[in-house]
Amino acid sequence: MNIAFITLGCPKNLVDTEIMLGLLDRAGHRLVGEPDGADVAVVNTCSFIASAVAESAAVVRGCLELKVAGRLARVVVAGCLAQRYGDQLFESLPGVDGVVGCSHFESIVDAVERAWAGERVLLLGSPVAIYDHTSPRILGTPSHIAYIKIAEGCDNACSYCTIPSLRGSMRSRPLGSIVAEAEELKAAGVIEANVIAQDTTAYGTDIASEGLLTKLLIALAETGLPWIRLLYAHPARVTDELIEAMESIPAIVPYLDLPIQHISDAVLRRMGRGTSASEILQLIERIRSQIPGISIRSSVIVGFPGETVEHFEELLSFIREGMIDHLGVFEYSPESGTRAAHFEDQISSETVSARARLLVSEMEALARRRARELIGVRVRVLVDSVAEIATARTAGQAWEMDSVVRVSLHPGAARPAPGAFVDVTITGGNEFDLTAELIT
């Protein structure tokens, strides 16, 4: 069959897609780039928040329109939306042929083949599955970039979050399996490995001890991977040992994704984050003092129930101080099955959106200022793609999460290849990206 994949949501979902692609390829099916004209379209969905549910449903409806028009035979919904709503999707999205939950991604070949045969397929169950280094995989990233998912599920039980109900409890992969995967990726030409999980800093707490993440990073560095990036680190679990490892191991880039979600103590308590404003501030100061030049990415939720004007001003002031280099802003939405959805002091969507816009505006102003400060600075970047210009990133920019460096190429000069490290001089930038010239 000709099978098209559409992947929505986070890098963790992308890894599931890559495993499903590998399984379908091994079974002899042909993978195509577009659902239009395909035999089967598989939409690997996200349902973390209301906007993600809406986006996932819209993409599925687009595929169903192709099916009605006779340009697509079957539509299979996989991932978090499937796990969350199950057989309800057959009613809310009429025409769907298969629903495959998070724990059945390794059964995708069976699901697709049964759907192709005309069966309405429903594969759901408790989220317990996790891949290992023997799972076939086709990267959905550029060939020099890969994600390594070191664990699945989450035990944090934040009051706003649906992830534990969708992905299950914390399940760490064996260290040896992760290292074997890293070695295979390096042998295949991967330059940058991004370490991910719902909470990377909880890695090992279900099978050994909290110190296992540091041991894992040391072992990953020993594979010879040039760049190792740590994403999704819970601020309550970033230890001195982890900071020391990041500072002392050259392969670990000076970058940390540290989702704080808020900075007001009152809001953090209601969120169930297990940390406080003073602890977050002390942690950031400790990280910056021990790892000079580190870039810190974070994410915050605005409009959480009970967030007063004063609480929001605390968050706004924190961002204005420049403590964060890259920021993701999420508008709170009450999600069924979460404790926060039953809090009485919900905030209007208009207020939530207005606060989000203000926070984004402040972050964009910071980005413009930082871009001006970098003019004339020489930096080393990793090239991701080359056309009229080269698109590249510094160690402080994560792929498809942060800004990029757009590098001018002189006519007649040698053109760098994707996956190459080159030196550039920053020439300018704005709230989105930096510009630079290649140093030849």
Protein backbone atom coordinates (compact mmCIF):
# COMPACT_ATOMS: atom_id res chain seq x y z
CA MET A 1 0.00 0.00 0.00
CA ASN A 2 0.94 3.65 -0.41
CA ILE A 3 0.80 5.07 3.11
CA ALA A 4 1.04 8.74 4.08
CA PHE A 5 1.82 9.97 7.58
CA ILE A 6 0.93 13.28 9.18
CA THR A 7 2.46 13.93 12.60
CA LEU A 8 1.21 16.59 15.01
CA GLY A 9 2.40 17.67 18.43
CA CYS A 10 5.70 17.26 20.20
CA PRO A 11 9.00 15.51 19.38
CA LYS A 12 7.96 12.62 21.62
CA ASN A 13 5.06 11.99 19.25
CA LEU A 14 7.43 12.25 16.29
CA VAL A 15 9.53 9.39 17.66
CA ASP A 16 6.39 7.20 17.77
CA THR A 17 5.77 8.12 14.13
CA GLU A 18 9.34 7.19 13.21
CA ILE A 19 8.88 3.75 14.77
CA MET A 20 5.58 3.27 12.92
CA LEU A 21 7.23 4.29 9.65
CA GLY A 22 9.98 1.76 10.27
CA LEU A 23 7.49 -1.02 10.96
CA LEU A 24 5.44 -0.27 7.85
CA ASP A 25 8.57 -0.07 5.69
CA ARG A 26 9.80 -3.40 7.05
CA ALA A 27 6.41 -4.92 6.21
CA GLY A 28 6.90 -3.89 2.58
CA HIS A 29 4.57 -0.92 2.34
CA ARG A 30 5.49 2.23 0.41
CA LEU A 31 5.69 5.51 2.34
CA VAL A 32 4.51 8.60 0.45
CA GLY A 33 4.67 12.28 1.32
CA GLU A 34 1.05 13.36 0.82
CA PRO A 35 -2.35 11.83 1.70
CA ASP A 36 -3.80 12.98 -1.62
CA GLY A 37 -3.61 9.87 -3.80
CA ALA A 38 -2.47 7.54 -1.02
CA ASP A 39 -4.16 4.29 -0.09
CA VAL A 40 -4.03 4.99 3.65
CA ALA A 41 -3.36 8.15 5.65
CA VAL A 42 -2.27 7.80 9.27
CA VAL A 43 -2.63 10.94 11.38
CA ASN A 44 -0.55 10.71 14.56
CA THR A 45 -2.36 13.23 16.73
CA CYS A 46 -1.89 15.45 19.77
CA SER A 47 -4.55 16.27 22.37
CA PHE A 48 -2.54 17.92 25.13
CA ILE A 49 -4.68 21.08 25.16
CA ALA A 50 -7.89 22.26 23.48
CA SER A 51 -6.07 23.93 20.58
CA ALA A 52 -4.18 20.69 19.87
CA VAL A 53 -7.44 18.72 19.87
CA ALA A 54 -8.94 21.22 17.41
CA GLU A 55 -5.90 21.05 15.14
CA SER A 56 -5.85 17.25 15.18
CA ALA A 57 -9.56 17.03 14.37
CA ALA A 58 -9.16 19.56 11.54
CA VAL A 59 -6.33 17.58 9.94
CA VAL A 60 -8.32 14.35 10.19
CA ARG A 61 -11.32 16.08 8.58
CA GLY A 62 -9.08 17.21 5.74
CA CYS A 63 -8.13 13.60 5.10
CA LEU A 64 -11.77 12.52 5.29
CA GLU A 65 -12.62 15.10 2.61
CA LEU A 66 -10.04 13.46 0.36
CA LYS A 67 -11.66 10.11 1.10
CA VAL A 68 -15.12 11.40 0.15
CA ALA A 69 -13.63 12.80 -3.07
CA GLY A 70 -12.19 9.36 -3.92
CA ARG A 71 -8.58 10.53 -3.60
CA LEU A 72 -7.81 8.57 -0.42
CA ALA A 73 -9.09 5.14 0.56
CA ARG A 74 -8.61 4.81 4.34
CA VAL A 75 -7.98 7.13 7.30
CA VAL A 76 -6.42 5.91 10.55
CA VAL A 77 -6.18 8.12 13.65
CA ALA A 78 -3.29 7.31 15.99
CA GLY A 79 -1.68 8.84 19.07
CA CYS A 80 -3.02 10.98 21.87
CA LEU A 81 -6.38 11.96 20.35
CA ALA A 82 -7.08 8.28 19.72
CA GLN A 83 -6.05 7.37 23.26
CA ARG A 84 -8.17 10.14 24.78
CA TYR A 85 -11.40 9.68 22.86
CA GLY A 86 -11.26 6.09 21.61
CA ASP A 87 -14.32 4.82 19.76
CA GLN A 88 -16.01 8.22 20.15
CA LEU A 89 -13.94 9.30 17.14
CA PHE A 90 -15.98 7.02 14.88
CA GLU A 91 -19.00 9.22 15.71
CA SER A 92 -17.36 12.65 15.93
CA LEU A 93 -15.27 12.06 12.78
CA PRO A 94 -17.49 9.90 10.54
CA GLY A 95 -15.50 7.99 7.97
CA VAL A 96 -12.51 7.19 10.17
CA ASP A 97 -11.44 3.59 9.52
CA GLY A 98 -9.11 2.97 12.44
CA VAL A 99 -8.30 4.32 15.91
CA VAL A 100 -4.92 3.35 17.37
CA GLY A 101 -4.05 4.46 20.90
CA CYS A 102 -0.64 5.41 22.28
CA SER A 103 0.17 1.92 23.51
CA HIS A 104 -0.56 0.25 20.18
CA PHE A 105 1.78 2.19 17.88
CA GLU A 106 3.80 -1.01 17.44
CA SER A 107 0.63 -2.66 16.03
CA ILE A 108 0.34 -0.13 13.22
CA VAL A 109 0.98 -2.67 10.45
CA ASP A 110 -1.89 -4.86 11.67
CA ALA A 111 -4.15 -1.81 12.07
CA VAL A 112 -3.45 -0.46 8.58
CA GLU A 113 -3.84 -3.82 6.87
CA ARG A 114 -7.11 -4.57 8.67
CA ALA A 115 -8.45 -1.12 7.83
CA TRP A 116 -7.45 -1.61 4.18
CA ALA A 117 -9.43 -4.86 4.18
CA GLY A 118 -12.56 -2.96 5.21
CA GLU A 119 -12.57 -3.62 8.94
CA ARG A 120 -13.24 -0.83 11.42
CA VAL A 121 -10.23 -1.09 13.72
CA LEU A 122 -10.06 -0.06 17.38
CA LEU A 123 -6.81 -0.69 19.26
CA LEU A 124 -6.84 0.78 22.77
CA GLY A 125 -5.46 -0.20 26.13
CA SER A 126 -3.51 0.96 29.14
CA PRO A 127 -0.43 2.94 28.06
CA VAL A 128 2.44 0.57 28.77
CA ALA A 129 4.41 0.29 25.52
CA ILE A 130 7.80 1.84 24.87
CA TYR A 131 10.24 1.20 22.04
CA ASP A 132 13.83 0.00 22.31
CA HIS A 133 16.99 0.05 20.19
CA THR A 134 15.82 -2.96 18.16
CA SER A 135 12.71 -1.16 16.89
CA PRO A 136 12.93 -0.25 13.20
CA ARG A 137 12.93 3.49 12.67
CA ILE A 138 12.86 5.99 9.83
CA LEU A 139 13.85 9.48 10.94
CA GLY A 140 11.40 12.29 10.31
CA THR A 141 14.13 14.85 11.00
CA PRO A 142 17.06 15.91 8.80
CA SER A 143 19.53 13.03 8.72
CA HIS A 144 22.00 14.76 11.07
CA ILE A 145 19.39 15.34 13.83
CA ALA A 146 17.58 12.77 15.96
CA TYR A 147 15.50 12.52 19.11
CA ILE A 148 16.24 9.84 21.69
CA LYS A 149 13.23 9.15 23.92
CA ILE A 150 14.65 7.83 27.18
CA ALA A 151 11.33 7.27 28.97
CA GLU A 152 7.59 7.31 28.46
CA GLY A 153 4.77 8.47 30.71
CA CYS A 154 4.80 10.75 33.73
CA ASP A 155 4.16 10.51 37.47
CA ASN A 156 4.09 14.24 38.23
CA ALA A 157 0.27 14.59 38.21
CA CYS A 158 0.22 18.35 37.59
CA SER A 159 -3.34 19.58 38.10
CA TYR A 160 -3.77 20.85 34.53
CA CYS A 161 -2.16 18.01 32.58
CA THR A 162 -3.70 15.11 30.64
CA ILE A 163 -0.38 13.39 29.87
CA PRO A 164 -0.49 10.73 32.65
CA SER A 165 -3.94 9.60 31.46
CA LEU A 166 -2.76 9.47 27.84
CA ARG A 167 0.79 8.19 28.21
CA GLY A 168 0.60 6.30 31.49
CA SER A 169 2.98 6.18 34.42
CA MET A 170 6.73 6.77 34.20
CA ARG A 171 8.60 4.00 32.34
CA SER A 172 12.35 4.41 31.89
CA ARG A 173 14.22 2.58 29.16
CA PRO A 174 17.28 0.53 30.17
CA LEU A 175 20.45 2.57 29.92
CA GLY A 176 22.12 0.00 27.65
CA SER A 177 19.28 0.15 25.14
CA ILE A 178 19.49 3.95 24.94
CA VAL A 179 23.26 3.89 24.45
CA ALA A 180 22.92 1.22 21.74
CA GLU A 181 20.40 3.41 19.95
CA ALA A 182 22.76 6.40 20.20
CA GLU A 183 25.61 4.37 18.73
CA GLU A 184 23.42 3.31 15.80
CA LEU A 185 22.31 6.89 15.18
CA LYS A 186 25.90 8.15 15.22
CA ALA A 187 26.92 5.42 12.79
CA ALA A 188 24.09 6.59 10.51
CA GLY A 189 25.46 10.15 10.46
CA VAL A 190 23.57 11.83 13.30
CA ILE A 191 25.43 14.86 14.66
CA GLU A 192 22.91 16.13 17.21
CA ALA A 193 20.98 13.90 19.62
CA ASN A 194 18.13 15.51 21.54
CA VAL A 195 17.32 13.67 24.76
CA ILE A 196 13.57 13.74 25.43
CA ALA A 197 10.85 12.34 27.68
CA GLN A 198 7.77 13.76 29.37
CA ASP A 199 10.20 14.57 32.21
CA THR A 200 13.82 13.75 31.37
CA THR A 201 15.00 14.56 34.89
CA ALA A 202 12.76 11.80 36.27
CA TYR A 203 14.65 9.24 34.19
CA GLY A 204 15.57 6.21 36.25
CA THR A 205 13.45 7.03 39.29
CA ASP A 206 11.22 4.05 38.52
CA ILE A 207 14.05 1.56 38.03
CA ALA A 208 17.07 2.80 39.96
CA SER A 209 17.77 6.23 41.37
CA GLU A 210 17.59 9.91 40.49
CA GLY A 211 21.28 9.89 39.59
CA LEU A 212 20.79 7.65 36.57
CA LEU A 213 20.28 10.58 34.16
CA THR A 214 23.80 11.85 34.82
CA LYS A 215 25.21 8.36 34.20
CA LEU A 216 23.22 8.20 30.97
CA LEU A 217 24.56 11.54 29.72
CA ILE A 218 28.12 10.44 30.44
CA ALA A 219 27.52 7.20 28.53
CA LEU A 220 25.94 9.07 25.59
CA ALA A 221 28.93 11.40 25.41
CA GLU A 222 31.23 8.39 25.25
CA THR A 223 29.56 7.32 21.98
CA GLY A 224 31.23 10.28 20.28
CA LEU A 225 28.04 12.16 19.38
CA PRO A 226 29.21 15.77 18.86
CA TRP A 227 26.08 17.49 20.22
CA ILE A 228 23.81 16.20 22.98
CA ARG A 229 20.90 18.42 23.99
CA LEU A 230 18.70 17.95 27.07
CA LEU A 231 15.01 18.84 26.72
CA TYR A 232 12.01 18.74 29.11
CA ALA A 233 13.89 19.04 32.42
CA HIS A 234 11.62 19.58 35.43
CA PRO A 235 13.03 22.41 37.60
CA ALA A 236 12.32 20.47 40.79
CA ARG A 237 14.70 17.70 39.71
CA VAL A 238 17.70 19.54 38.25
CA THR A 239 20.48 18.50 40.63
CA ASP A 240 23.96 19.89 41.25
CA GLU A 241 25.30 16.61 39.86
CA LEU A 242 23.42 17.17 36.59
CA ILE A 243 24.63 20.77 36.30
CA GLU A 244 28.22 19.67 36.91
CA ALA A 245 27.92 17.01 34.20
CA MET A 246 26.55 19.54 31.72
CA GLU A 247 29.41 21.91 32.53
CA SER A 248 32.20 19.32 32.33
CA ILE A 249 31.17 17.20 29.33
CA PRO A 250 31.99 19.02 26.06
CA ALA A 251 29.45 17.07 24.00
CA ILE A 252 26.55 18.33 26.11
CA VAL A 253 25.66 21.66 24.54
CA PRO A 254 25.20 24.69 26.84
CA TYR A 255 21.42 24.59 26.58
CA LEU A 256 18.65 23.49 28.91
CA ASP A 257 14.93 23.24 28.31
CA LEU A 258 13.43 24.04 31.72
CA PRO A 259 9.61 24.30 31.68
CA ILE A 260 8.74 26.40 34.74
CA GLN A 261 5.03 26.93 33.78
CA HIS A 262 4.77 29.97 36.11
CA ILE A 263 6.71 32.03 38.63
CA SER A 264 3.98 32.92 41.14
CA ASP A 265 4.06 30.72 44.25
CA ALA A 266 0.28 30.72 44.49
CA VAL A 267 -0.14 29.53 40.91
CA LEU A 268 2.67 26.97 41.16
CA ARG A 269 1.02 25.43 44.24
CA ARG A 270 -2.33 25.07 42.49
CA MET A 271 -0.59 23.61 39.46
CA GLY A 272 1.06 21.00 41.67
CA ARG A 273 4.51 21.75 40.31
CA GLY A 274 6.41 20.83 43.46
CA THR A 275 8.64 23.91 43.37
CA SER A 276 8.55 27.61 44.25
CA ALA A 277 9.55 30.93 42.73
CA SER A 278 12.61 31.26 44.96
CA GLU A 279 13.76 27.73 44.09
CA ILE A 280 13.35 28.43 40.37
CA LEU A 281 15.25 31.71 40.60
CA GLN A 282 18.06 30.14 42.63
CA LEU A 283 18.28 27.25 40.18
CA ILE A 284 18.55 29.54 37.15
CA GLU A 285 21.22 31.63 38.88
CA ARG A 286 23.15 28.46 39.77
CA ILE A 287 22.93 27.14 36.22
CA ARG A 288 24.10 30.43 34.70
CA SER A 289 26.97 30.81 37.16
CA GLN A 290 28.26 27.28 36.57
CA ILE A 291 27.66 27.12 32.81
CA PRO A 292 28.63 30.51 31.32
CA GLY A 293 26.85 31.32 28.09
CA ILE A 294 24.13 28.71 28.55
CA SER A 295 20.82 29.24 26.76
CA ILE A 296 17.71 28.44 28.78
CA ARG A 297 14.42 27.66 27.13
CA SER A 298 11.20 27.52 29.11
CA SER A 299 7.45 27.28 28.73
CA VAL A 300 4.73 28.97 30.75
CA ILE A 301 0.97 28.70 31.05
CA VAL A 302 -1.02 31.94 31.23
CA GLY A 303 -4.56 32.26 32.49
CA PHE A 304 -4.45 29.35 34.92
CA PRO A 305 -7.54 29.34 37.20
CA GLY A 306 -7.09 31.91 39.95
CA GLU A 307 -4.24 33.74 38.19
CA THR A 308 -4.77 37.33 39.35
CA VAL A 309 -3.42 40.46 37.73
CA GLU A 310 -0.71 40.46 40.41
CA HIS A 311 0.24 36.85 39.65
CA PHE A 312 0.51 37.64 35.95
CA GLU A 313 2.59 40.75 36.68
CA GLU A 314 5.02 38.53 38.59
CA LEU A 315 5.41 36.37 35.51
CA LEU A 316 5.69 39.37 33.20
CA SER A 317 8.37 40.93 35.39
CA PHE A 318 10.31 37.68 35.45
CA ILE A 319 10.35 37.54 31.64
CA ARG A 320 11.35 41.21 31.37
CA GLU A 321 14.40 40.51 33.52
CA GLY A 322 15.80 38.34 30.73
CA MET A 323 16.12 35.15 32.78
CA ILE A 324 14.87 33.08 29.82
CA ASP A 325 16.38 33.01 26.31
CA HIS A 326 13.60 31.17 24.47
CA LEU A 327 9.98 30.91 25.61
CA GLY A 328 6.89 28.92 24.69
CA VAL A 329 3.62 30.53 25.84
CA PHE A 330 0.55 28.34 26.28
CA GLU A 331 -2.95 29.61 26.92
CA TYR A 332 -4.62 27.59 29.67
CA SER A 333 -7.65 25.55 28.70
CA PRO A 334 -9.66 23.35 31.11
CA GLU A 335 -9.09 19.74 30.08
CA SER A 336 -11.54 17.01 31.03
CA GLY A 337 -10.15 14.55 33.54
CA THR A 338 -7.82 17.08 35.19
CA ARG A 339 -8.25 18.59 38.65
CA ALA A 340 -7.82 22.14 37.38
CA ALA A 341 -10.83 21.80 35.09
CA HIS A 342 -13.01 21.74 38.24
CA PHE A 343 -11.47 24.83 39.85
CA GLU A 344 -14.16 27.47 40.21
CA ASP A 345 -12.09 30.55 39.41
CA GLN A 346 -11.66 29.97 35.67
CA ILE A 347 -10.53 32.98 33.63
CA SER A 348 -12.22 34.16 30.44
CA SER A 349 -10.60 33.14 27.18
CA GLU A 350 -10.39 36.79 26.15
CA THR A 351 -8.31 37.64 29.23
CA VAL A 352 -6.13 34.57 28.75
CA SER A 353 -5.40 35.49 25.13
CA ALA A 354 -4.65 39.11 26.00
CA ARG A 355 -2.15 38.05 28.66
CA ALA A 356 -0.51 35.60 26.27
CA ARG A 357 -0.11 38.30 23.61
CA LEU A 358 1.49 40.64 26.13
CA LEU A 359 3.94 37.97 27.26
CA VAL A 360 4.87 37.12 23.67
CA SER A 361 5.36 40.80 22.89
CA GLU A 362 7.78 41.17 25.81
CA MET A 363 9.73 38.11 24.71
CA GLU A 364 9.96 39.41 21.15
CA ALA A 365 11.33 42.74 22.41
CA LEU A 366 13.99 40.84 24.36
CA ALA A 367 14.88 38.82 21.26
CA ARG A 368 15.34 41.98 19.18
CA ARG A 369 17.58 43.49 21.84
CA ARG A 370 19.70 40.37 22.09
CA ALA A 371 20.04 40.22 18.31
CA ARG A 372 21.48 43.76 18.28
CA GLU A 373 23.93 42.85 21.04
CA LEU A 374 25.23 39.92 18.97
CA ILE A 375 26.11 41.94 15.87
CA GLY A 376 29.76 41.36 15.03
CA VAL A 377 30.10 38.30 17.25
CA ARG A 378 31.72 35.22 15.74
CA VAL A 379 29.95 31.93 16.54
CA ARG A 380 30.03 28.32 15.43
CA VAL A 381 26.80 26.95 13.97
CA LEU A 382 25.45 23.64 12.75
CA VAL A 383 24.05 23.82 9.20
CA ASP A 384 20.58 22.31 8.82
CA SER A 385 19.75 23.12 5.19
CA VAL A 386 21.23 24.95 2.20
CA ALA A 387 19.44 26.81 -0.61
CA GLU A 388 20.02 30.46 -1.59
CA ILE A 389 21.08 30.85 2.02
CA ALA A 390 22.09 28.34 4.68
CA THR A 391 19.81 27.78 7.65
CA ALA A 392 21.81 26.95 10.74
CA ARG A 393 21.70 26.98 14.55
CA THR A 394 24.01 27.82 17.39
CA ALA A 395 24.34 25.45 20.34
CA GLY A 396 21.77 27.68 22.05
CA GLN A 397 19.02 26.99 19.51
CA ALA A 398 17.02 23.75 19.45
CA TRP A 399 15.74 22.48 16.10
CA GLU A 400 12.17 23.58 15.28
CA MET A 401 11.72 24.97 18.80
CA ASP A 402 13.82 28.12 18.77
CA SER A 403 15.05 30.72 16.30
CA VAL A 404 17.62 29.96 13.58
CA VAL A 405 20.63 31.67 12.00
CA ARG A 406 20.18 32.59 8.32
CA VAL A 407 23.63 32.59 6.76
CA SER A 408 24.40 34.52 3.56
CA LEU A 409 26.44 32.57 1.01
CA HIS A 410 28.86 34.40 -1.28
CA PRO A 411 28.60 33.54 -4.99
CA GLY A 412 31.36 31.18 -6.02
CA ALA A 413 32.32 30.30 -2.45
CA ALA A 414 32.18 26.72 -1.23
CA ARG A 415 28.73 25.88 0.10
CA PRO A 416 28.53 24.09 3.45
CA ALA A 417 26.65 20.80 3.60
CA PRO A 418 23.82 20.04 6.00
CA GLY A 419 25.31 18.55 9.14
CA ALA A 420 28.51 20.60 8.89
CA PHE A 421 29.84 22.95 11.55
CA VAL A 422 30.89 26.36 10.22
CA ASP A 423 31.94 29.70 11.70
CA VAL A 424 29.83 32.78 11.00
CA THR A 425 29.68 36.43 12.00
CA ILE A 426 26.31 37.68 13.23
CA THR A 427 25.15 40.64 11.13
CA GLY A 428 21.69 41.31 12.55
CA GLY A 429 18.37 39.79 13.47
CA ASN A 430 14.85 40.38 14.69
CA GLU A 431 12.38 38.82 17.11
CA PHE A 432 12.44 35.60 15.13
CA ASP A 433 15.85 34.80 13.65
CA LEU A 434 19.47 35.95 13.40
CA THR A 435 21.34 36.77 10.18
CA ALA A 436 25.00 36.06 9.59
CA GLU A 437 27.79 35.86 7.03
CA LEU A 438 29.89 32.78 6.48
CA ILE A 439 33.52 33.08 7.50
CA THR A 440 35.55 31.45 4.73
